[in-house]
C-alpha atoms as a PDB file:
ATOM      1  CA  MET A   1     -34.369  31.591   4.563  1.00  0.00           C
ATOM      2  CA  MET A   2     -34.592  35.266   5.343  1.00  0.00           C
ATOM      3  CA  ILE A   3     -35.472  37.410   8.361  1.00  0.00           C
ATOM      4  CA  LYS A   4     -37.755  40.452   8.365  1.00  0.00           C
ATOM      5  CA  LEU A   5     -36.294  43.672   9.802  1.00  0.00           C
ATOM      6  CA  THR A   6     -37.266  47.351   9.952  1.00  0.00           C
ATOM      7  CA  ARG A   7     -35.123  50.240   8.737  1.00  0.00           C
ATOM      8  CA  THR A   8     -34.917  53.361  10.903  1.00  0.00           C
ATOM      9  CA  SER A   9     -37.258  54.997   8.348  1.00  0.00           C
ATOM     10  CA  GLY A  10     -39.921  52.437   9.295  1.00  0.00           C
ATOM     11  CA  GLN A  11     -39.648  50.524   6.013  1.00  0.00           C
ATOM     12  CA  ASN A  12     -39.653  46.724   6.364  1.00  0.00           C
ATOM     13  CA  PHE A  13     -37.158  44.635   4.425  1.00  0.00           C
ATOM     14  CA  ILE A  14     -35.990  41.052   4.230  1.00  0.00           C
ATOM     15  CA  LEU A  15     -32.348  40.149   4.920  1.00  0.00           C
ATOM     16  CA  ASN A  16     -30.492  36.922   4.261  1.00  0.00           C
ATOM     17  CA  ALA A  17     -29.481  35.971   7.817  1.00  0.00           C
ATOM     18  CA  GLU A  18     -26.449  34.079   6.500  1.00  0.00           C
ATOM     19  CA  LEU A  19     -24.870  37.422   5.530  1.00  0.00           C
ATOM     20  CA  ILE A  20     -24.816  38.814   9.101  1.00  0.00           C
ATOM     21  CA  LEU A  21     -21.308  39.121  10.491  1.00  0.00           C
ATOM     22  CA  GLU A  22     -21.942  41.357  13.512  1.00  0.00           C
ATOM     23  CA  VAL A  23     -24.742  43.237  15.310  1.00  0.00           C
ATOM     24  CA  GLN A  24     -23.995  46.261  17.515  1.00  0.00           C
ATOM     25  CA  GLU A  25     -26.151  48.686  19.504  1.00  0.00           C
ATOM     26  CA  THR A  26     -24.503  52.126  19.474  1.00  0.00           C
ATOM     27  CA  PRO A  27     -27.375  52.992  20.694  1.00  0.00           C
ATOM     28  CA  ASP A  28     -28.889  52.464  17.224  1.00  0.00           C
ATOM     29  CA  THR A  29     -28.640  48.899  15.972  1.00  0.00           C
ATOM     30  CA  VAL A  30     -26.016  48.456  13.258  1.00  0.00           C
ATOM     31  CA  ILE A  31     -25.757  45.197  11.317  1.00  0.00           C
ATOM     32  CA  THR A  32     -22.446  44.518   9.582  1.00  0.00           C
ATOM     33  CA  LEU A  33     -22.717  42.123   6.656  1.00  0.00           C
ATOM     34  CA  SER A  34     -20.042  39.726   5.444  1.00  0.00           C
ATOM     35  CA  ASN A  35     -19.386  42.032   2.454  1.00  0.00           C
ATOM     36  CA  GLY A  36     -18.617  44.961   4.809  1.00  0.00           C
ATOM     37  CA  LYS A  37     -21.900  46.801   4.179  1.00  0.00           C
ATOM     38  CA  LYS A  38     -23.569  48.244   7.286  1.00  0.00           C
ATOM     39  CA  LEU A  39     -27.322  48.502   7.846  1.00  0.00           C
ATOM     40  CA  LEU A  40     -29.034  50.708  10.445  1.00  0.00           C
ATOM     41  CA  VAL A  41     -32.247  49.157  11.800  1.00  0.00           C
ATOM     42  CA  LYS A  42     -34.924  49.754  14.453  1.00  0.00           C
ATOM     43  CA  ASP A  43     -34.826  46.138  15.655  1.00  0.00           C
ATOM     44  CA  SER A  44     -32.842  45.522  18.844  1.00  0.00           C
ATOM     45  CA  ALA A  45     -29.783  43.281  18.807  1.00  0.00           C
ATOM     46  CA  ALA A  46     -31.688  40.813  21.015  1.00  0.00           C
ATOM     47  CA  ASP A  47     -34.587  40.690  18.522  1.00  0.00           C
ATOM     48  CA  ILE A  48     -32.201  40.086  15.630  1.00  0.00           C
ATOM     49  CA  VAL A  49     -30.431  37.284  17.505  1.00  0.00           C
ATOM     50  CA  GLU A  50     -33.824  35.706  18.295  1.00  0.00           C
ATOM     51  CA  LYS A  51     -34.845  35.869  14.616  1.00  0.00           C
ATOM     52  CA  VAL A  52     -31.549  34.324  13.485  1.00  0.00           C
ATOM     53  CA  ILE A  53     -31.851  31.511  16.050  1.00  0.00           C
ATOM     54  CA  SER A  54     -35.430  30.831  14.935  1.00  0.00           C
ATOM     55  CA  TYR A  55     -34.274  30.812  11.300  1.00  0.00           C
ATOM     56  CA  ARG A  56     -31.498  28.313  12.044  1.00  0.00           C
ATOM     57  CA  GLN A  57     -33.845  26.082  14.052  1.00  0.00           C
ATOM     58  CA  LYS A  58     -36.164  25.920  11.035  1.00  0.00           C
ATOM     59  CA  ILE A  59     -33.218  24.959   8.827  1.00  0.00           C
ATOM     60  CA  MET A  60     -32.130  22.215  11.243  1.00  0.00           C
ATOM     61  CA  ALA A  61     -35.702  20.904  11.576  1.00  0.00           C
ATOM     62  CA  GLY A  62     -35.879  20.630   7.795  1.00  0.00           C
ATOM     63  CA  ILE A  63     -32.607  18.721   7.684  1.00  0.00           C
ATOM     64  CA  THR A  64     -33.838  16.347  10.392  1.00  0.00           C
ATOM     65  CA  ARG A  65     -37.138  15.695   8.587  1.00  0.00           C
ATOM     66  CA  THR A  66     -35.359  15.149   5.295  1.00  0.00           C
ATOM     67  CA  GLY A  67     -32.949  12.682   6.873  1.00  0.00           C
ATOM     68  CA  GLU A  68     -35.627  10.624   8.673  1.00  0.00           C
ATOM     69  CA  ARG A  69     -36.349   7.109   7.483  1.00  0.00           C
ATOM     70  CA  SER A  70     -39.881   5.810   6.971  1.00  0.00           C
END
């Protein structure tokens, strides 16, 4: 599952949320990925955290549904 973000240029892109290592506001928002790459985005750190939480909730809901018995 991916999250939709916006580059500082205004261009939207999709990022694999599992790759996010760190999010900082400096005051621009900088996302550090697990491979060391840094991305500069318009989205606030709070918005990114909210999107990641929503993403993980969807994953957990899918696991719960899959594991349910009839």
